[in-house]
Amino acid sequence: MAIEIRPINAGVTLGDSAGVASDIDNAKTVLISATADTTITTTTASGRDGGYPAASFLIPENNMVVLHKDPMQKVFASTSNATFTKIAYPRG
């Protein structure tokens, strides 16, 4: 399956704890691709530190998800098998 995106910066791989969570350059829309089963965790958007873990979801092996988030909201992955890329929205 092909999707159309407009990447805004290079993809990054994040660590596996809230201490290394990132707002992905204040992104509102993030393409997340996973090469292995990976749990993605988002944080609350309160405060400059990005807040506390708020929600999580699983991306199955070899899949992609487009995440819409608050610019201050941070994310991290349960493994280093996920790449996060800030993209424009609408994607096309």
N, C-alpha and C. Protein backbone atom coordinates (compact mmCIF):
# COMPACT_ATOMS: atom_id res chain seq x y z
N MET A 1 0.84 -1.17 0.00
CA MET A 1 0.00 0.00 0.00
C MET A 1 0.89 1.24 0.00
N ALA A 2 0.55 2.20 -0.81
CA ALA A 2 1.29 3.46 -0.86
C ALA A 2 0.46 4.57 -0.23
N ILE A 3 1.14 5.45 0.49
CA ILE A 3 0.46 6.62 1.04
C ILE A 3 1.23 7.86 0.58
N GLU A 4 0.55 8.97 0.54
CA GLU A 4 1.17 10.22 0.13
C GLU A 4 1.38 11.09 1.36
N ILE A 5 2.63 11.55 1.56
CA ILE A 5 2.95 12.40 2.71
C ILE A 5 3.82 13.56 2.25
N ARG A 6 3.89 14.58 3.10
CA ARG A 6 4.83 15.68 2.91
C ARG A 6 5.69 15.76 4.16
N PRO A 7 6.87 15.09 4.14
CA PRO A 7 7.74 15.12 5.31
C PRO A 7 8.29 16.52 5.54
N ILE A 8 8.39 16.92 6.81
CA ILE A 8 8.90 18.24 7.16
C ILE A 8 10.31 18.14 7.74
N ASN A 9 10.65 17.02 8.35
CA ASN A 9 12.02 16.83 8.84
C ASN A 9 12.40 15.37 8.73
N ALA A 10 13.64 15.07 9.07
CA ALA A 10 14.12 13.69 9.02
C ALA A 10 13.47 12.87 10.13
N GLY A 11 13.27 11.60 9.86
CA GLY A 11 12.72 10.71 10.88
C GLY A 11 13.71 10.50 12.02
N VAL A 12 13.16 10.28 13.22
CA VAL A 12 14.00 10.03 14.40
C VAL A 12 13.54 8.76 15.09
N THR A 13 14.48 8.09 15.73
CA THR A 13 14.19 6.92 16.55
C THR A 13 14.34 7.36 17.99
N LEU A 14 13.34 7.06 18.81
CA LEU A 14 13.36 7.48 20.20
C LEU A 14 13.62 6.29 21.11
N GLY A 15 14.01 6.58 22.33
CA GLY A 15 14.23 5.54 23.32
C GLY A 15 12.92 4.99 23.86
N ASP A 16 13.04 4.20 24.91
CA ASP A 16 11.88 3.44 25.39
C ASP A 16 11.37 3.88 26.76
N SER A 17 11.51 5.18 27.07
CA SER A 17 10.98 5.65 28.35
C SER A 17 10.53 7.10 28.24
N ALA A 18 9.72 7.53 29.19
CA ALA A 18 9.23 8.90 29.18
C ALA A 18 10.37 9.90 29.27
N GLY A 19 11.50 9.50 29.84
CA GLY A 19 12.64 10.40 29.97
C GLY A 19 13.23 10.82 28.64
N VAL A 20 12.99 10.05 27.60
CA VAL A 20 13.52 10.39 26.27
C VAL A 20 12.39 10.75 25.30
N ALA A 21 11.21 10.98 25.82
CA ALA A 21 10.08 11.34 24.96
C ALA A 21 10.39 12.64 24.23
N SER A 22 9.78 12.81 23.06
CA SER A 22 10.03 13.99 22.24
C SER A 22 8.72 14.53 21.70
N ASP A 23 8.69 15.84 21.47
CA ASP A 23 7.52 16.44 20.82
C ASP A 23 7.69 16.42 19.29
N ILE A 24 8.76 15.82 18.80
CA ILE A 24 9.07 15.70 17.38
C ILE A 24 9.02 17.09 16.72
N ASP A 25 9.84 17.99 17.23
CA ASP A 25 9.94 19.35 16.69
C ASP A 25 8.59 20.07 16.70
N ASN A 26 7.85 19.93 17.82
CA ASN A 26 6.53 20.57 17.98
C ASN A 26 5.53 20.15 16.90
N ALA A 27 5.62 18.91 16.48
CA ALA A 27 4.74 18.42 15.40
C ALA A 27 3.29 18.32 15.85
N LYS A 28 2.39 18.60 14.91
CA LYS A 28 0.97 18.35 15.12
C LYS A 28 0.58 17.02 14.49
N THR A 29 1.30 16.62 13.44
CA THR A 29 1.02 15.37 12.74
C THR A 29 2.33 14.61 12.56
N VAL A 30 2.33 13.33 12.98
CA VAL A 30 3.55 12.52 12.95
C VAL A 30 3.25 11.19 12.27
N LEU A 31 4.10 10.81 11.32
CA LEU A 31 4.04 9.48 10.73
C LEU A 31 4.94 8.58 11.56
N ILE A 32 4.37 7.49 12.07
CA ILE A 32 5.14 6.53 12.87
C ILE A 32 5.18 5.22 12.11
N SER A 33 6.37 4.73 11.81
CA SER A 33 6.50 3.43 11.14
C SER A 33 7.25 2.49 12.07
N ALA A 34 6.78 1.24 12.13
CA ALA A 34 7.35 0.25 13.04
C ALA A 34 7.79 -0.98 12.27
N THR A 35 9.02 -1.44 12.54
CA THR A 35 9.52 -2.65 11.91
C THR A 35 9.30 -3.89 12.77
N ALA A 36 8.83 -3.68 14.00
CA ALA A 36 8.46 -4.77 14.91
C ALA A 36 7.30 -4.26 15.76
N ASP A 37 6.57 -5.17 16.41
CA ASP A 37 5.49 -4.74 17.29
C ASP A 37 6.02 -3.71 18.28
N THR A 38 5.36 -2.57 18.35
CA THR A 38 5.84 -1.46 19.19
C THR A 38 4.66 -0.76 19.84
N THR A 39 4.76 -0.49 21.13
CA THR A 39 3.75 0.30 21.82
C THR A 39 4.19 1.75 21.83
N ILE A 40 3.31 2.63 21.36
CA ILE A 40 3.57 4.06 21.34
C ILE A 40 2.82 4.68 22.52
N THR A 41 3.48 5.53 23.27
CA THR A 41 2.86 6.20 24.41
C THR A 41 2.91 7.70 24.17
N THR A 42 1.77 8.36 24.40
CA THR A 42 1.70 9.82 24.31
C THR A 42 1.64 10.38 25.72
N THR A 43 1.98 11.66 25.85
CA THR A 43 1.92 12.31 27.15
C THR A 43 0.82 13.36 27.16
N THR A 44 0.45 13.81 28.33
CA THR A 44 -0.46 14.94 28.43
C THR A 44 0.29 16.16 27.89
N ALA A 45 -0.43 17.18 27.51
CA ALA A 45 0.21 18.35 26.92
C ALA A 45 0.35 19.49 27.91
N SER A 46 0.40 19.19 29.20
CA SER A 46 0.48 20.26 30.19
C SER A 46 1.93 20.53 30.57
N GLY A 47 2.31 21.79 30.49
CA GLY A 47 3.65 22.19 30.90
C GLY A 47 4.69 21.98 29.82
N ARG A 48 5.82 22.65 29.97
CA ARG A 48 6.88 22.57 28.97
C ARG A 48 7.55 21.20 28.94
N ASP A 49 7.42 20.40 30.01
CA ASP A 49 8.04 19.08 30.01
C ASP A 49 7.20 18.05 29.27
N GLY A 50 6.04 18.44 28.77
CA GLY A 50 5.20 17.52 28.02
C GLY A 50 4.23 16.73 28.86
N GLY A 51 4.29 16.87 30.17
CA GLY A 51 3.31 16.21 31.01
C GLY A 51 3.64 14.77 31.33
N TYR A 52 2.60 13.98 31.63
CA TYR A 52 2.74 12.60 32.07
C TYR A 52 2.13 11.66 31.03
N PRO A 53 2.54 10.37 31.04
CA PRO A 53 1.94 9.43 30.10
C PRO A 53 0.41 9.49 30.14
N ALA A 54 -0.21 9.60 28.96
CA ALA A 54 -1.66 9.78 28.89
C ALA A 54 -2.36 8.62 28.20
N ALA A 55 -1.77 8.13 27.13
CA ALA A 55 -2.42 7.07 26.35
C ALA A 55 -1.35 6.27 25.63
N SER A 56 -1.72 5.06 25.25
CA SER A 56 -0.79 4.24 24.47
C SER A 56 -1.57 3.38 23.49
N PHE A 57 -0.87 2.96 22.44
CA PHE A 57 -1.47 2.09 21.43
C PHE A 57 -0.38 1.25 20.79
N LEU A 58 -0.77 0.12 20.24
CA LEU A 58 0.17 -0.82 19.63
C LEU A 58 0.18 -0.64 18.13
N ILE A 59 1.37 -0.58 17.57
CA ILE A 59 1.53 -0.64 16.11
C ILE A 59 2.10 -2.02 15.81
N PRO A 60 1.36 -2.85 15.07
CA PRO A 60 1.88 -4.17 14.73
C PRO A 60 3.10 -4.07 13.79
N GLU A 61 3.86 -5.12 13.76
CA GLU A 61 5.05 -5.22 12.92
C GLU A 61 4.77 -4.77 11.49
N ASN A 62 5.69 -3.99 10.93
CA ASN A 62 5.66 -3.54 9.53
C ASN A 62 4.40 -2.75 9.19
N ASN A 63 3.99 -1.85 10.06
CA ASN A 63 2.84 -0.99 9.83
C ASN A 63 3.19 0.46 10.12
N MET A 64 2.31 1.36 9.65
CA MET A 64 2.48 2.79 9.87
C MET A 64 1.19 3.37 10.42
N VAL A 65 1.33 4.45 11.20
CA VAL A 65 0.20 5.17 11.78
C VAL A 65 0.47 6.66 11.63
N VAL A 66 -0.56 7.44 11.32
CA VAL A 66 -0.45 8.89 11.35
C VAL A 66 -1.09 9.34 12.66
N LEU A 67 -0.29 10.00 13.49
CA LEU A 67 -0.74 10.46 14.80
C LEU A 67 -0.96 11.97 14.77
N HIS A 68 -2.15 12.41 15.20
CA HIS A 68 -2.45 13.84 15.36
C HIS A 68 -2.31 14.15 16.85
N LYS A 69 -1.54 15.19 17.17
CA LYS A 69 -1.28 15.50 18.58
C LYS A 69 -1.13 16.99 18.79
N ASP A 70 -1.14 17.41 20.05
CA ASP A 70 -0.86 18.78 20.42
C ASP A 70 0.63 19.02 20.22
N PRO A 71 1.05 20.20 19.74
CA PRO A 71 2.47 20.44 19.51
C PRO A 71 3.37 20.21 20.72
N MET A 72 2.88 20.47 21.94
CA MET A 72 3.70 20.26 23.14
C MET A 72 3.65 18.83 23.64
N GLN A 73 2.75 18.03 23.13
CA GLN A 73 2.59 16.64 23.57
C GLN A 73 3.79 15.83 23.09
N LYS A 74 4.34 15.02 23.98
CA LYS A 74 5.49 14.19 23.64
C LYS A 74 5.08 12.74 23.43
N VAL A 75 5.92 12.01 22.70
CA VAL A 75 5.68 10.59 22.43
C VAL A 75 6.97 9.81 22.64
N PHE A 76 6.81 8.52 22.91
CA PHE A 76 7.96 7.62 22.93
C PHE A 76 7.48 6.22 22.58
N ALA A 77 8.42 5.34 22.26
CA ALA A 77 8.10 3.97 21.84
C ALA A 77 8.64 2.97 22.85
N SER A 78 8.05 1.78 22.87
CA SER A 78 8.50 0.73 23.79
C SER A 78 9.79 0.06 23.31
N THR A 79 10.13 0.26 22.05
CA THR A 79 11.36 -0.31 21.48
C THR A 79 12.00 0.73 20.56
N SER A 80 13.16 0.43 20.05
CA SER A 80 13.82 1.32 19.10
C SER A 80 13.44 0.97 17.66
N ASN A 81 12.36 0.21 17.49
CA ASN A 81 11.92 -0.24 16.16
C ASN A 81 10.91 0.68 15.51
N ALA A 82 10.74 1.90 16.03
CA ALA A 82 9.78 2.85 15.47
C ALA A 82 10.51 4.12 15.03
N THR A 83 10.10 4.64 13.90
CA THR A 83 10.65 5.90 13.40
C THR A 83 9.53 6.92 13.37
N PHE A 84 9.80 8.12 13.88
CA PHE A 84 8.84 9.20 13.98
C PHE A 84 9.24 10.31 13.00
N THR A 85 8.33 10.70 12.11
CA THR A 85 8.61 11.75 11.13
C THR A 85 7.52 12.81 11.18
N LYS A 86 7.92 14.06 11.38
CA LYS A 86 6.96 15.17 11.34
C LYS A 86 6.52 15.35 9.90
N ILE A 87 5.18 15.35 9.69
CA ILE A 87 4.66 15.52 8.34
C ILE A 87 3.62 16.64 8.32
N ALA A 88 3.37 17.15 7.12
CA ALA A 88 2.36 18.19 6.96
C ALA A 88 0.98 17.54 6.92
N TYR A 89 -0.02 18.32 7.30
CA TYR A 89 -1.41 17.86 7.21
C TYR A 89 -2.23 18.97 6.60
N PRO A 90 -3.04 18.75 5.57
CA PRO A 90 -3.31 17.43 5.01
C PRO A 90 -2.07 16.85 4.34
N ARG A 91 -2.04 15.53 4.28
CA ARG A 91 -0.84 14.83 3.83
C ARG A 91 -0.58 14.99 2.35
N GLY A 92 -1.61 15.14 1.53
CA GLY A 92 -1.43 15.17 0.07
C GLY A 92 -1.11 16.52 -0.46
